[in-house]
Each structure stands twice: as structure tokens, then as C-alpha cells.
Amino acid sequence: MEPLINQIPIDRSSAQHKWVCCGSLCTLHSWIPILTWLPKYNFRWLQMDIIAGVTVGLTTVPQALAYAEVAGLPVQYGLYSAFMGGFIYCVLGTSKDVTLGPTAIMSLLCAFYVGGDPLYAVLLSFLGGLIQMSMALLRLGFLLDFISYPVIKGFTAAAAVTIGFGQIKNILGLKNIPHQFFLQLYYTFQRIPEARLGDVVLGVSCILLLIFLMWMKSTLPPLSEEHTTHVRVAHKIVWSAATVRNALVVVGATVMVFSLESSNRHYFTLTGKTSKGLPPFKPPAFSEITPNGTIVSFSDILLDLGAGLAIIPLMGLLESIAIAKAFGDQNNYRIDPNQELFAIGITNILGSFVSAYPVTGSFGRTAVNSQTGVCTPAGGVITGAIVLLSLAYLMPVFYYIPKASLAAVIICAVTPLVDYHQVIQLWRVRKPDLVPFMVTFLVSLWEIQYGIVGGILVSGAMLLYHEARPKIKVTDTDHGFLLMELDSGLSFPAAEHLNHVIYNYALQVSPPRSVVLNCQHVSRIDFTVVNELRNLLKQFRLQNVTLIFSGLKNCLLEVLNAADLPQLQHTDSVEAAVESLLGHTHND
């Protein structure tokens, strides 16, 4: 059988061959971005990447332990989730700054959907990664454009409030507090008299120390050439201490608690026993046997995860791409959103093989990475190595980490996410956008998994309302006819509204009036609108008045001509339409 398209032999010295080779190379570089920067890698970049990787690593370890607590999982799962992203993103990522790992918002969402079951969390990482990778391959990143900025900000603020207040119980040393926010609020205040003094003192002290270190870093003056070596060294020490403040606070609290526990003084609530060593590399389990011997099948797990299979991947993509774009703009480079989807998807898939729960880009650690001067994604490899070393050699030490210190780290990490300036800006710029913000915020406080869905529905309804009710400016002229101007496109939801306005102003008055419909801002039209215009033209003829279209674009004119509308009149400009109507009136 002959081939459908005969292969044309290519001269390897020809321009055609060079184009083919160039296209193949560009495609390879787009899917494996490390190939674009690795050939140019140098010793200076290596130095900066090592410094940034170590700094971020010292921030990652305590945060990962803390975020596992938010997710309702044993603390080692935070570290299991913190190293794979560095290695995968180094090869597949398009941002030099982004660091992938556990985050506060993803941990909170996991807590709602997996209910503290590690098997569910790991399987959710695998399935979420498959969905993210599929979206990348199908180029579906544009779906994230339907989540508006007010919805994102409302969800982020509510998540920060929920996470932050959820750690108050650890600051107070309370146990068995419900997870639902309003119940948590009630029972936390009700049981304040049961608070452990040691946990309260330690937790508040850690928060104050973290705030002080953050303040020191924010008030550090920039260095100049006039400063002496001693000033430069002091500046570097203060900046470094403030940057790795989470690690300093957790290590300091752990050392103090260990010394007290060694002398048999039990004043604090501890993290407790953790699994030792590195996680085994194995595929996630697709079924579970409960302690009473009941087998939970894969289909049952899918039903239990429910909307989490959509919310977790979408929020992971949204958070990471938003961070990548922000730092790309800040540092003057561009990212590829679909490649970012692919990198996050592969990270979550492979992460599930080392017992990781779903991860995404971390704003805080990405900011540290950028500020430390990272040059390439290779900094993530150093961060991943530090996490692996912690898993291999430090797990017995984690027993003595006080929960109050981890709670302090989380509270200080999520507090900046509650940005009241955004609410003020929304009020000043466009007040209706406060509606999806408040709906998302309030619903998320009730049930975090429904908040973003509610916000999307409200913002979608507002978008559809504006689509269905385009503004129509009506001007009464001195010559007895009306000038109507449309400010946007016409699609089927707006057809009835257009009909209603024209009828009310032109046909249901006595006497009926002719209309010039200015369409210079209209760029699209559909069959429903065309059918409505046909009926309008018929009613205008019956009442012996005229409807003239002005400023129609060629694409719209083609559609109207194809519909073969009877006695369709159109002009290039409003002035020409006015002249036509005046001439018609004089002739009459």
C-alpha cells in the first residue's frame, strides 16, 4: 500500500533540514528546560545556587514538619513531601526561583479531603499529579483564567485565618479540638482554662522572636561601597539569622525541651515518635485494609476523595503558576505555564512513590530563594539533599520538637497571606468585585473545600450577567429618531435584552420611531441574535419605521448577509446613517 504522503528526501545541508533540526531542538528544550541553561552553567552560578539551596533547606525542614501537622499527618510526611520537587523541578521547571514542596494552603486542603489517612494523602498526590500532567499535555492551562483575582484572594485570606487559628490549640496545649473553623473557635475559647502554661509561654515567646527577626530583616539598610568589612559581615550575619529564623527558633526550642525532658521535667507537648530513615520507593497503594479488617477498594477511596480530585490539582496549579509569574516579572524572565503544569504533575506523581502528599510552589520559600540570589533551578537539588539528610540522620531528634514552636512557625508564615490592603483596593477600584471575595472568604471559613467553588460560581454569574445585559446608550436626536450605541459584543444571552430595549424606546411609543444602531464596538454575534434581529426588522417594517445598522465590522456583515435578512440597511458611520434617515424623511 502506498503511503498517504510520500517522504521527500532532505538535503542535510539545506535550509529545510536546518529548520527541521532547529524545530526538534526547540521542542526538546521546551519540554526539558534544563537543556537551555545547563550548557552555560559556571562556578559562580554553582556558588550562588549552593548558598540559596542551603538557606531554603534550613527554612524547608521546620516548615515541612509544621505543615504536616496542618495536614493532619505524622510529621515525617512533611519531609517526605519536601525533597522530590527540588530534583524534578531542576530538570523540568522554567523559573529559577520557584521551590516546590508542602504549603499551608495545600496542607489545609489535604486535611479536609484525606482525614489524616496517609494512604489517602499519598494516593491523592498520585491522582492529582496525573490530572495536572494531563492538563499540561492537553494545553488546558487556560482553565485557570476562569478563577478571578478576588476569588483567589478571598480563598487565600480564609485559608490563612483557618490555618492560623487552627494552631492556637497547639499554642495553648489543647487536644481533641474539632477541625471545623466555627466549632474550633467555640471550643478553643471554651477550654482556655485547660491551657498548659509551658506551651503558652513557649509558643508566645517563639512568635515574638520570629516577629522580631522579621522586623530586623525588613529594617536592614542596604549595603553600599562605603561600608567597612565589619559592617558588611555584621549585616550578613543579621540577614542570614533572620532568613533562617524558622530553623533557629525550632532548633532552640528543641534543645531547651530536650534538656528539660532529660531531667524529667515535662512542661511541653511534644511531636512524639516519628518513623526513622528515608521512605521506601514504591508505588502508592490503591486499596486499604482498616484495623477491623474491612477492605476499602479503589472506587471507595475515589468516592471519599470526591471534589478533592478537582480542587487539589487546580489549587496546586494556581498557587504555583501565580508565584512563578510574580517572580518572573520581578526578575525579568518569562515562564511557560503549561510546562509548569507538567513539572508540578510529574513531581506529584513521583512524589507519591516516596509517600509524599500533594505539593505546589511555596511563596515564602520562593521569596527566600530569590532574595538569596539563586541563579538556576539547581538550588532545589541542594534543598532536596538537606531534607534527605534530615530524614536519614535527624528523625530521632524530631521527637523532642515542641508542637508550640511549630505552631508559631505556621502562624507567622500564614499571617502575611491576610492582606487587608487588597480589600481596600477592591473597594476603591471596583466595589462589585468585593462580592466574590466575601463569598469565597465566608464560605471557606465554613468549609474550605466549598469556598473556591462558591467564589467561582458567583464571579461566573457576574460575568454572565454582564454578558446578558450589555450597556446600551440611548440618545434622542432632534430629528425624531433614536441613536443607540452598544458597548460590547452580542451573544445569545443578550438577545432578549436588546429586543426589550429597542421595543420599549422605539416601537411601543406613539408614534413609533426609527433607530440607528451603532455597532462599532461589537465584534461578535451569534445565530440567536441574528434571529432576534430578523424579528425586529419585521416589526419595524410593519410600523413603517426604519432600523439602520452603522459601523458593522466585516465579520459581522458577513454573518448578517449570510442570514439573508430582509431589507437589511447598514452604513459605515453614524453620520451616513443619519443622512440616510433624513433623506428618507424628506422624500416622504
Foldseek 3Di string as FASTA:
>chain_A
DDDPDDDDDDDCVDPVVVVVVVVVVVVVCLQWVLVVCVVVDDPVLVVLLLLLLVLLLLQQLLLLQLLCVLLLEQSVLSLLFQFLLLVLCQTQFDFFQWGKGADQLLSNLNCQQVVHDLLLQLVLLQLLLVVLQVCLVVVVLCVLVLQDPLLVLLLLQLSLVLLLLVLVCLLQVHPDQDSQQVSNVVVCVVCSVVGQPLSNVLLVVLLVQLVVLLVQLVPQDDDDPPDDPVVVVVSVVSNSCNSSVLSVSQVVQLVVLVVCVVVVHDRFAASAADDAAFFAQAARDQWDQDPVGDIGHNVNSCVSSPCVSVQSSSVQLSVAVVLRCVVCVVVVHDTDSSSQSNSQSVSSNSSSSRSHGRMHTYNSSSVSSVVSPNDGSNSSNSSSVSSNVCRHPVNVSRRRRGSSSSSSSSSVRSVVSNDCVVVVVCVVPPVVSVVLNVQLNVVCSRPVSCSSVRSSVVVVVVVVVCLLAFDWDWDQDPVFAIEIETQEAHEQSNQVVVLVVQCVPAVPDPPGHEYEYECQHYDDYDDNNLVSVLVVQVSCVVSVYYYEYECDDPVVVVVNVVVVRPPHHYYDHPVVVVVVRVVVVVVD
